[in-house]
Amino acid sequence: MARHPRWTLSQVTELFEKPLLELLFEAQQIHRQHFDPQQGTG
């Protein structure tokens, strides 16, 4: 996973203005791109 380049003020502002549930949904989508949701952590 690539590191994010330096953040601009507008990017930070946009992130902080998003509703919490939208942020959680986006995080879940990104997580599922990298990890199999059907595989347990047993």
N, C-alpha and C. Protein backbone atom coordinates (compact mmCIF):
# COMPACT_ATOMS: atom_id res chain seq x y z
N MET A 1 0.85 -1.17 0.00
CA MET A 1 0.00 0.00 0.00
C MET A 1 0.90 1.24 0.00
N ALA A 2 0.62 2.12 -0.90
CA ALA A 2 1.46 3.31 -1.06
C ALA A 2 1.15 4.34 0.01
N ARG A 3 2.18 5.04 0.41
CA ARG A 3 1.98 6.15 1.36
C ARG A 3 1.36 7.32 0.64
N HIS A 4 0.53 8.02 1.34
CA HIS A 4 -0.11 9.20 0.77
C HIS A 4 0.92 10.33 0.74
N PRO A 5 1.01 11.04 -0.38
CA PRO A 5 1.92 12.19 -0.41
C PRO A 5 1.45 13.26 0.56
N ARG A 6 2.20 14.31 0.67
CA ARG A 6 1.81 15.39 1.59
C ARG A 6 0.38 15.83 1.34
N TRP A 7 -0.33 16.05 2.42
CA TRP A 7 -1.73 16.47 2.34
C TRP A 7 -1.80 17.98 2.14
N THR A 8 -2.75 18.40 1.32
CA THR A 8 -3.01 19.83 1.17
C THR A 8 -4.05 20.23 2.22
N LEU A 9 -4.14 21.51 2.47
CA LEU A 9 -5.13 22.00 3.44
C LEU A 9 -6.55 21.65 2.98
N SER A 10 -6.81 21.75 1.70
CA SER A 10 -8.16 21.44 1.20
C SER A 10 -8.49 19.95 1.36
N GLN A 11 -7.49 19.07 1.20
CA GLN A 11 -7.72 17.64 1.40
C GLN A 11 -8.03 17.33 2.86
N VAL A 12 -7.31 17.95 3.76
CA VAL A 12 -7.55 17.74 5.19
C VAL A 12 -8.92 18.28 5.58
N THR A 13 -9.26 19.45 5.07
CA THR A 13 -10.56 20.04 5.37
C THR A 13 -11.68 19.13 4.86
N GLU A 14 -11.53 18.62 3.64
CA GLU A 14 -12.54 17.73 3.06
C GLU A 14 -12.71 16.48 3.92
N LEU A 15 -11.60 15.92 4.40
CA LEU A 15 -11.66 14.73 5.23
C LEU A 15 -12.39 15.00 6.54
N PHE A 16 -12.08 16.12 7.19
CA PHE A 16 -12.69 16.45 8.47
C PHE A 16 -14.16 16.81 8.35
N GLU A 17 -14.60 17.22 7.17
CA GLU A 17 -15.99 17.61 6.99
C GLU A 17 -16.90 16.45 6.60
N LYS A 18 -16.32 15.28 6.31
CA LYS A 18 -17.13 14.12 5.94
C LYS A 18 -17.83 13.56 7.18
N PRO A 19 -19.04 13.07 7.00
CA PRO A 19 -19.74 12.41 8.12
C PRO A 19 -18.99 11.15 8.54
N LEU A 20 -19.05 10.83 9.82
CA LEU A 20 -18.32 9.69 10.37
C LEU A 20 -18.69 8.38 9.67
N LEU A 21 -19.98 8.15 9.45
CA LEU A 21 -20.39 6.89 8.83
C LEU A 21 -19.89 6.77 7.40
N GLU A 22 -19.77 7.87 6.69
CA GLU A 22 -19.21 7.84 5.34
C GLU A 22 -17.73 7.48 5.39
N LEU A 23 -17.00 8.02 6.37
CA LEU A 23 -15.59 7.67 6.53
C LEU A 23 -15.42 6.19 6.84
N LEU A 24 -16.28 5.66 7.71
CA LEU A 24 -16.21 4.23 8.05
C LEU A 24 -16.50 3.37 6.82
N PHE A 25 -17.48 3.77 6.02
CA PHE A 25 -17.83 3.02 4.82
C PHE A 25 -16.66 3.01 3.83
N GLU A 26 -16.04 4.16 3.62
CA GLU A 26 -14.88 4.23 2.71
C GLU A 26 -13.72 3.39 3.23
N ALA A 27 -13.51 3.41 4.54
CA ALA A 27 -12.44 2.61 5.13
C ALA A 27 -12.70 1.12 4.92
N GLN A 28 -13.97 0.71 5.07
CA GLN A 28 -14.32 -0.69 4.86
C GLN A 28 -14.08 -1.10 3.41
N GLN A 29 -14.43 -0.24 2.47
CA GLN A 29 -14.21 -0.55 1.05
C GLN A 29 -12.73 -0.73 0.75
N ILE A 30 -11.91 0.15 1.28
CA ILE A 30 -10.46 0.06 1.05
C ILE A 30 -9.90 -1.19 1.72
N HIS A 31 -10.37 -1.49 2.93
CA HIS A 31 -9.91 -2.68 3.64
C HIS A 31 -10.23 -3.94 2.84
N ARG A 32 -11.42 -4.01 2.28
CA ARG A 32 -11.82 -5.19 1.51
C ARG A 32 -11.03 -5.33 0.21
N GLN A 33 -10.47 -4.26 -0.30
CA GLN A 33 -9.62 -4.35 -1.49
C GLN A 33 -8.33 -5.10 -1.18
N HIS A 34 -7.91 -5.06 0.09
CA HIS A 34 -6.62 -5.64 0.47
C HIS A 34 -6.73 -6.90 1.31
N PHE A 35 -7.92 -7.18 1.89
CA PHE A 35 -8.10 -8.34 2.74
C PHE A 35 -9.39 -9.06 2.36
N ASP A 36 -9.37 -10.38 2.37
CA ASP A 36 -10.54 -11.18 2.04
C ASP A 36 -11.54 -11.12 3.20
N PRO A 37 -12.75 -10.58 2.97
CA PRO A 37 -13.71 -10.47 4.06
C PRO A 37 -14.24 -11.82 4.53
N GLN A 38 -14.08 -12.87 3.73
CA GLN A 38 -14.57 -14.21 4.10
C GLN A 38 -13.56 -14.98 4.95
N GLN A 39 -12.32 -14.51 4.98
CA GLN A 39 -11.28 -15.22 5.71
C GLN A 39 -11.24 -14.73 7.16
N GLY A 40 -11.35 -15.65 8.09
CA GLY A 40 -11.30 -15.30 9.50
C GLY A 40 -9.88 -15.05 9.96
N THR A 41 -9.74 -14.58 11.18
CA THR A 41 -8.41 -14.29 11.72
C THR A 41 -7.97 -15.38 12.70
N GLY A 42 -8.62 -16.55 12.65
CA GLY A 42 -8.38 -17.66 13.56
C GLY A 42 -7.00 -17.96 13.78
